[in-house]
Amino acid sequence: MPGITPEEVRHVAMLAKLDLPDEELERIGAELNRILEYFAQLQQIDTEDVPVTSHAIPMTNVYREDKIGESLPVDDVVANAPDGADEFFRVPRIIEQ
């Protein structure tokens, strides 16, 4: 399996705007090659009988069911507003004419 060349590591470092010394580029290149070797090993595993999944563990819906309930009285809600008018909140105008 062809590995990542130092030139490719240098190019990716340049794209990421990383100024890395040559020793660091060599170390990163070696680590990336080890990662690619591990992926090559994983590709050899027979997964034919493994069902396709989106999560490693079973997931359940955690949302509660919507239920109609009592609302707060409008007068009480508007009473907490800094500037209320009848049943409405009054806010500063933000659109210029």
N, C-alpha and C. Protein backbone atom coordinates (compact mmCIF):
# COMPACT_ATOMS: atom_id res chain seq x y z
N MET A 1 0.85 -1.18 0.00
CA MET A 1 0.00 0.00 0.00
C MET A 1 0.89 1.24 0.00
N PRO A 2 0.67 2.13 -0.96
CA PRO A 2 1.50 3.34 -1.00
C PRO A 2 1.19 4.24 0.19
N GLY A 3 2.23 4.81 0.76
CA GLY A 3 2.05 5.67 1.92
C GLY A 3 1.96 7.13 1.52
N ILE A 4 1.76 7.93 2.51
CA ILE A 4 1.72 9.38 2.31
C ILE A 4 3.15 9.88 2.22
N THR A 5 3.42 10.63 1.19
CA THR A 5 4.78 11.14 0.99
C THR A 5 4.99 12.40 1.81
N PRO A 6 6.26 12.73 2.10
CA PRO A 6 6.54 13.98 2.82
C PRO A 6 6.01 15.21 2.07
N GLU A 7 6.02 15.14 0.74
CA GLU A 7 5.50 16.26 -0.05
C GLU A 7 4.01 16.44 0.18
N GLU A 8 3.28 15.32 0.29
CA GLU A 8 1.84 15.41 0.54
C GLU A 8 1.56 15.97 1.93
N VAL A 9 2.36 15.57 2.91
CA VAL A 9 2.19 16.10 4.27
C VAL A 9 2.50 17.60 4.26
N ARG A 10 3.55 17.98 3.57
CA ARG A 10 3.92 19.39 3.48
C ARG A 10 2.81 20.19 2.80
N HIS A 11 2.20 19.62 1.75
CA HIS A 11 1.11 20.31 1.03
C HIS A 11 -0.11 20.50 1.94
N VAL A 12 -0.48 19.45 2.69
CA VAL A 12 -1.63 19.56 3.60
C VAL A 12 -1.33 20.57 4.70
N ALA A 13 -0.10 20.56 5.21
CA ALA A 13 0.29 21.53 6.24
C ALA A 13 0.18 22.95 5.70
N MET A 14 0.59 23.14 4.45
CA MET A 14 0.49 24.46 3.83
C MET A 14 -0.97 24.87 3.68
N LEU A 15 -1.85 23.92 3.26
CA LEU A 15 -3.27 24.24 3.13
C LEU A 15 -3.88 24.62 4.47
N ALA A 16 -3.41 23.97 5.54
CA ALA A 16 -3.90 24.26 6.88
C ALA A 16 -3.19 25.46 7.50
N LYS A 17 -2.30 26.06 6.73
CA LYS A 17 -1.52 27.21 7.18
C LYS A 17 -0.72 26.89 8.43
N LEU A 18 -0.10 25.69 8.43
CA LEU A 18 0.77 25.27 9.53
C LEU A 18 2.22 25.36 9.08
N ASP A 19 3.02 26.04 9.84
CA ASP A 19 4.45 26.13 9.55
C ASP A 19 5.16 25.11 10.43
N LEU A 20 5.38 23.93 9.88
CA LEU A 20 5.96 22.84 10.65
C LEU A 20 7.39 22.57 10.22
N PRO A 21 8.28 22.31 11.18
CA PRO A 21 9.64 21.95 10.81
C PRO A 21 9.66 20.56 10.16
N ASP A 22 10.74 20.25 9.44
CA ASP A 22 10.84 18.99 8.72
C ASP A 22 10.70 17.78 9.64
N GLU A 23 11.27 17.85 10.87
CA GLU A 23 11.14 16.72 11.80
C GLU A 23 9.68 16.45 12.14
N GLU A 24 8.91 17.51 12.31
CA GLU A 24 7.49 17.38 12.64
C GLU A 24 6.73 16.81 11.44
N LEU A 25 7.06 17.24 10.25
CA LEU A 25 6.42 16.71 9.05
C LEU A 25 6.69 15.22 8.91
N GLU A 26 7.91 14.79 9.21
CA GLU A 26 8.25 13.37 9.14
C GLU A 26 7.45 12.57 10.18
N ARG A 27 7.36 13.11 11.40
CA ARG A 27 6.62 12.42 12.45
C ARG A 27 5.14 12.30 12.09
N ILE A 28 4.56 13.38 11.61
CA ILE A 28 3.15 13.37 11.24
C ILE A 28 2.92 12.41 10.07
N GLY A 29 3.82 12.42 9.10
CA GLY A 29 3.71 11.50 7.97
C GLY A 29 3.73 10.05 8.43
N ALA A 30 4.62 9.74 9.37
CA ALA A 30 4.70 8.37 9.89
C ALA A 30 3.41 8.00 10.62
N GLU A 31 2.87 8.91 11.40
CA GLU A 31 1.61 8.64 12.12
C GLU A 31 0.45 8.44 11.15
N LEU A 32 0.38 9.27 10.13
CA LEU A 32 -0.68 9.11 9.13
C LEU A 32 -0.56 7.78 8.40
N ASN A 33 0.66 7.37 8.10
CA ASN A 33 0.85 6.08 7.44
C ASN A 33 0.43 4.92 8.34
N ARG A 34 0.69 5.03 9.65
CA ARG A 34 0.23 3.99 10.58
C ARG A 34 -1.30 3.94 10.63
N ILE A 35 -1.92 5.09 10.58
CA ILE A 35 -3.39 5.15 10.58
C ILE A 35 -3.93 4.49 9.31
N LEU A 36 -3.33 4.79 8.17
CA LEU A 36 -3.77 4.19 6.92
C LEU A 36 -3.56 2.68 6.92
N GLU A 37 -2.48 2.21 7.53
CA GLU A 37 -2.24 0.76 7.63
C GLU A 37 -3.33 0.12 8.49
N TYR A 38 -3.74 0.79 9.55
CA TYR A 38 -4.80 0.26 10.39
C TYR A 38 -6.11 0.18 9.61
N PHE A 39 -6.42 1.21 8.82
CA PHE A 39 -7.62 1.17 7.99
C PHE A 39 -7.56 0.04 6.98
N ALA A 40 -6.38 -0.22 6.45
CA ALA A 40 -6.23 -1.34 5.51
C ALA A 40 -6.54 -2.66 6.20
N GLN A 41 -6.13 -2.80 7.46
CA GLN A 41 -6.47 -4.00 8.23
C GLN A 41 -7.99 -4.09 8.43
N LEU A 42 -8.62 -2.97 8.74
CA LEU A 42 -10.07 -2.97 8.96
C LEU A 42 -10.82 -3.34 7.69
N GLN A 43 -10.29 -2.96 6.54
CA GLN A 43 -10.96 -3.28 5.27
C GLN A 43 -10.94 -4.78 4.99
N GLN A 44 -10.05 -5.53 5.64
CA GLN A 44 -9.96 -6.97 5.43
C GLN A 44 -11.03 -7.74 6.22
N ILE A 45 -11.70 -7.08 7.16
CA ILE A 45 -12.69 -7.74 8.00
C ILE A 45 -13.95 -8.02 7.19
N ASP A 46 -14.46 -9.25 7.33
CA ASP A 46 -15.69 -9.64 6.62
C ASP A 46 -16.89 -9.08 7.39
N THR A 47 -17.58 -8.14 6.77
CA THR A 47 -18.75 -7.52 7.40
C THR A 47 -20.03 -7.86 6.63
N GLU A 48 -19.98 -8.91 5.83
CA GLU A 48 -21.11 -9.29 4.99
C GLU A 48 -22.37 -9.55 5.82
N ASP A 49 -22.24 -10.21 6.97
CA ASP A 49 -23.40 -10.57 7.79
C ASP A 49 -23.71 -9.55 8.88
N VAL A 50 -23.05 -8.42 8.87
CA VAL A 50 -23.29 -7.39 9.89
C VAL A 50 -24.34 -6.43 9.37
N PRO A 51 -25.45 -6.26 10.11
CA PRO A 51 -26.50 -5.35 9.64
C PRO A 51 -26.02 -3.89 9.63
N VAL A 52 -26.52 -3.14 8.70
CA VAL A 52 -26.18 -1.73 8.60
C VAL A 52 -26.83 -0.99 9.77
N THR A 53 -26.07 -0.15 10.42
CA THR A 53 -26.59 0.62 11.55
C THR A 53 -26.16 2.08 11.43
N SER A 54 -26.90 2.94 12.09
CA SER A 54 -26.50 4.35 12.14
C SER A 54 -25.91 4.71 13.48
N HIS A 55 -26.14 3.86 14.50
CA HIS A 55 -25.60 4.10 15.83
C HIS A 55 -25.07 2.79 16.39
N ALA A 56 -24.09 2.88 17.26
CA ALA A 56 -23.51 1.68 17.85
C ALA A 56 -24.42 1.07 18.92
N ILE A 57 -25.28 1.90 19.50
CA ILE A 57 -26.21 1.41 20.51
C ILE A 57 -27.63 1.75 20.08
N PRO A 58 -28.63 1.00 20.55
CA PRO A 58 -30.01 1.32 20.17
C PRO A 58 -30.41 2.71 20.66
N MET A 59 -31.08 3.44 19.80
CA MET A 59 -31.52 4.79 20.14
C MET A 59 -33.04 4.82 20.25
N THR A 60 -33.55 5.57 21.21
CA THR A 60 -34.99 5.74 21.34
C THR A 60 -35.32 7.23 21.30
N ASN A 61 -36.52 7.53 20.91
CA ASN A 61 -36.96 8.91 20.85
C ASN A 61 -37.14 9.43 22.27
N VAL A 62 -36.47 10.52 22.59
CA VAL A 62 -36.54 11.07 23.94
C VAL A 62 -37.51 12.24 24.05
N TYR A 63 -38.21 12.56 22.98
CA TYR A 63 -39.16 13.66 23.02
C TYR A 63 -40.45 13.23 23.69
N ARG A 64 -41.06 14.15 24.38
CA ARG A 64 -42.34 13.85 25.00
C ARG A 64 -43.46 14.17 24.01
N GLU A 65 -44.59 13.59 24.26
CA GLU A 65 -45.74 13.83 23.41
C GLU A 65 -46.30 15.23 23.70
N ASP A 66 -46.69 15.94 22.65
CA ASP A 66 -47.29 17.26 22.83
C ASP A 66 -48.69 17.09 23.40
N LYS A 67 -48.97 17.84 24.47
CA LYS A 67 -50.29 17.79 25.08
C LYS A 67 -50.77 19.22 25.29
N ILE A 68 -52.01 19.45 25.00
CA ILE A 68 -52.61 20.76 25.22
C ILE A 68 -52.85 20.92 26.71
N GLY A 69 -52.41 22.03 27.25
CA GLY A 69 -52.59 22.29 28.67
C GLY A 69 -53.02 23.72 28.89
N GLU A 70 -53.15 24.07 30.13
CA GLU A 70 -53.56 25.43 30.46
C GLU A 70 -52.42 26.40 30.22
N SER A 71 -52.74 27.55 29.65
CA SER A 71 -51.76 28.60 29.43
C SER A 71 -51.84 29.59 30.58
N LEU A 72 -50.81 30.40 30.69
CA LEU A 72 -50.83 31.46 31.69
C LEU A 72 -51.86 32.51 31.29
N PRO A 73 -52.47 33.16 32.24
CA PRO A 73 -53.41 34.24 31.89
C PRO A 73 -52.66 35.38 31.19
N VAL A 74 -53.25 35.90 30.13
CA VAL A 74 -52.60 36.94 29.32
C VAL A 74 -52.25 38.15 30.18
N ASP A 75 -53.13 38.56 31.07
CA ASP A 75 -52.85 39.74 31.91
C ASP A 75 -51.61 39.53 32.77
N ASP A 76 -51.42 38.32 33.29
CA ASP A 76 -50.23 38.03 34.12
C ASP A 76 -48.95 38.07 33.28
N VAL A 77 -49.03 37.57 32.07
CA VAL A 77 -47.85 37.55 31.20
C VAL A 77 -47.47 38.96 30.80
N VAL A 78 -48.42 39.74 30.35
CA VAL A 78 -48.13 41.10 29.90
C VAL A 78 -47.71 41.97 31.08
N ALA A 79 -48.15 41.64 32.27
CA ALA A 79 -47.77 42.42 33.45
C ALA A 79 -46.27 42.35 33.70
N ASN A 80 -45.60 41.29 33.25
CA ASN A 80 -44.15 41.14 33.43
C ASN A 80 -43.35 41.83 32.33
N ALA A 81 -44.01 42.35 31.31
CA ALA A 81 -43.31 42.99 30.20
C ALA A 81 -42.88 44.39 30.60
N PRO A 82 -41.72 44.85 30.10
CA PRO A 82 -41.29 46.21 30.40
C PRO A 82 -42.25 47.25 29.84
N ASP A 83 -42.89 46.93 28.70
CA ASP A 83 -43.83 47.87 28.10
C ASP A 83 -44.94 47.05 27.43
N GLY A 84 -46.06 46.94 28.08
CA GLY A 84 -47.18 46.18 27.53
C GLY A 84 -48.32 47.10 27.14
N ALA A 85 -49.08 46.68 26.15
CA ALA A 85 -50.24 47.45 25.71
C ALA A 85 -51.37 46.46 25.50
N ASP A 86 -52.39 46.57 26.35
CA ASP A 86 -53.53 45.64 26.32
C ASP A 86 -53.01 44.20 26.45
N GLU A 87 -53.19 43.40 25.39
CA GLU A 87 -52.77 42.00 25.44
C GLU A 87 -51.44 41.75 24.72
N PHE A 88 -50.70 42.82 24.41
CA PHE A 88 -49.52 42.69 23.56
C PHE A 88 -48.27 43.22 24.25
N PHE A 89 -47.13 42.75 23.75
CA PHE A 89 -45.84 43.31 24.16
C PHE A 89 -45.51 44.45 23.21
N ARG A 90 -45.12 45.60 23.78
CA ARG A 90 -44.72 46.71 22.93
C ARG A 90 -43.19 46.71 22.87
N VAL A 91 -42.66 46.76 21.64
CA VAL A 91 -41.22 46.72 21.43
C VAL A 91 -40.80 47.91 20.59
N PRO A 92 -39.53 48.30 20.66
CA PRO A 92 -39.08 49.44 19.85
C PRO A 92 -39.14 49.10 18.36
N ARG A 93 -39.44 50.10 17.57
CA ARG A 93 -39.47 49.93 16.12
C ARG A 93 -38.03 49.74 15.62
N ILE A 94 -37.83 48.75 14.75
CA ILE A 94 -36.49 48.51 14.21
C ILE A 94 -36.45 48.69 12.70
N ILE A 95 -37.58 48.91 12.09
CA ILE A 95 -37.64 49.10 10.63
C ILE A 95 -37.81 50.57 10.36
N GLU A 96 -36.91 51.10 9.54
CA GLU A 96 -37.00 52.51 9.17
C GLU A 96 -37.87 52.68 7.95
N GLN A 97 -38.52 53.85 7.86
CA GLN A 97 -39.38 54.10 6.68
C GLN A 97 -38.67 54.99 5.71
